Each structure stands twice: as C-alpha cells, then as structure tokens.
Amino acid sequence: MGFSFKVYDVTTGNVVAEIEKADKWRDIFLGGMFDFKDTYALKILDNKTDRRILLGFVLSIDNVLHDRQ
C-alpha cells in the first residue's frame, strides 16, 4: 500500500514535491483497524510549482487509496 510518492516535473525530470502518509505507523501496528481518516504530509521542493496542483495530487492519492479498499 504505497506510503510515499514523488511528484516530478515532466520537462526537467526534477522532483518538485514529496507526499508521505503521516500516520503510516498506525496502519502498520493496528492493521487498519482504526482507518477512518488518513493524514498526509506534503513537502514542496520547488517554489515555482503551483501549490494548488500539488494539493490536487494529495487529494487524488487519498481518493485512489480509499477506493481500493
């Protein structure tokens, strides 16, 4: 179940942001027993990238992970 994601700039190939699941240890030890919500950490590495688009990546990842369950 992916915990970490990197967002790349298509034109340069550089990493512009990293998205990590902040509560992954709860899922590992409790086995998703209390999996009512998830918390993600967004680390922006490129100041030129629009933050709204990066937030859209976080929302998309959250929706995809919850739709799989």
Protein backbone atom coordinates (compact mmCIF):
# COMPACT_ATOMS: atom_id res chain seq x y z
CA MET A 1 0.00 0.00 0.00
CA GLY A 2 2.09 2.98 -1.14
CA PHE A 3 3.12 5.31 1.64
CA SER A 4 5.45 7.68 -0.22
CA PHE A 5 5.06 9.39 -3.56
CA LYS A 6 7.28 11.76 -5.51
CA VAL A 7 5.94 14.31 -7.97
CA TYR A 8 8.26 15.02 -10.91
CA ASP A 9 8.39 17.93 -13.34
CA VAL A 10 7.84 16.42 -16.77
CA THR A 11 10.01 18.97 -18.58
CA THR A 12 13.10 18.79 -16.35
CA GLY A 13 12.70 15.44 -14.60
CA ASN A 14 13.35 17.05 -11.21
CA VAL A 15 11.37 16.17 -8.09
CA VAL A 16 9.07 19.08 -7.21
CA ALA A 17 7.27 17.56 -4.21
CA GLU A 18 7.12 14.54 -1.93
CA ILE A 19 3.90 13.19 -0.47
CA GLU A 20 4.06 10.85 2.52
CA LYS A 21 1.43 9.25 4.66
CA ALA A 22 1.96 10.78 8.10
CA ASP A 23 0.09 8.10 10.06
CA LYS A 24 1.61 5.02 8.42
CA TRP A 25 2.80 3.54 11.73
CA ARG A 26 -0.79 3.41 12.97
CA ASP A 27 -1.72 1.35 9.91
CA ILE A 28 1.25 -0.98 10.34
CA PHE A 29 0.69 -1.75 14.02
CA LEU A 30 -3.11 -1.68 14.13
CA GLY A 31 -3.66 -3.22 10.70
CA GLY A 32 -6.11 -0.56 9.54
CA MET A 33 -8.46 -1.28 12.43
CA PHE A 34 -9.00 2.44 13.06
CA ASP A 35 -8.62 3.55 9.44
CA PHE A 36 -11.33 6.22 9.38
CA LYS A 37 -9.12 9.01 8.07
CA ASP A 38 -5.60 9.48 6.76
CA THR A 39 -3.10 12.27 7.25
CA TYR A 40 -0.64 13.20 4.52
CA ALA A 41 2.47 15.38 4.62
CA LEU A 42 3.26 17.44 1.53
CA LYS A 43 6.87 18.58 1.22
CA ILE A 44 7.28 21.13 -1.58
CA LEU A 45 10.79 21.17 -3.03
CA ASP A 46 10.24 23.61 -5.93
CA ASN A 47 8.87 27.07 -5.11
CA LYS A 48 7.84 27.73 -8.72
CA THR A 49 5.27 24.92 -8.84
CA ASP A 50 1.67 25.90 -8.16
CA ARG A 51 0.69 24.61 -4.71
CA ARG A 52 -2.93 24.09 -5.76
CA ILE A 53 -1.86 21.47 -8.29
CA LEU A 54 0.24 19.69 -5.66
CA LEU A 55 -2.74 19.70 -3.30
CA GLY A 56 -4.74 18.09 -6.10
CA PHE A 57 -2.17 15.28 -6.20
CA VAL A 58 -2.68 14.68 -2.47
CA LEU A 59 -6.46 14.55 -2.86
CA SER A 60 -6.18 12.20 -5.84
CA ILE A 61 -3.85 9.83 -3.99
CA ASP A 62 -6.20 9.78 -1.00
CA ASN A 63 -9.21 9.02 -3.21
CA VAL A 64 -7.43 6.23 -5.07
CA LEU A 65 -6.20 4.57 -1.87
CA HIS A 66 -9.67 4.65 -0.29
CA ASP A 67 -11.41 3.40 -3.43
CA ARG A 68 -9.19 0.30 -3.44
CA GLN A 69 -10.39 -0.81 0.00
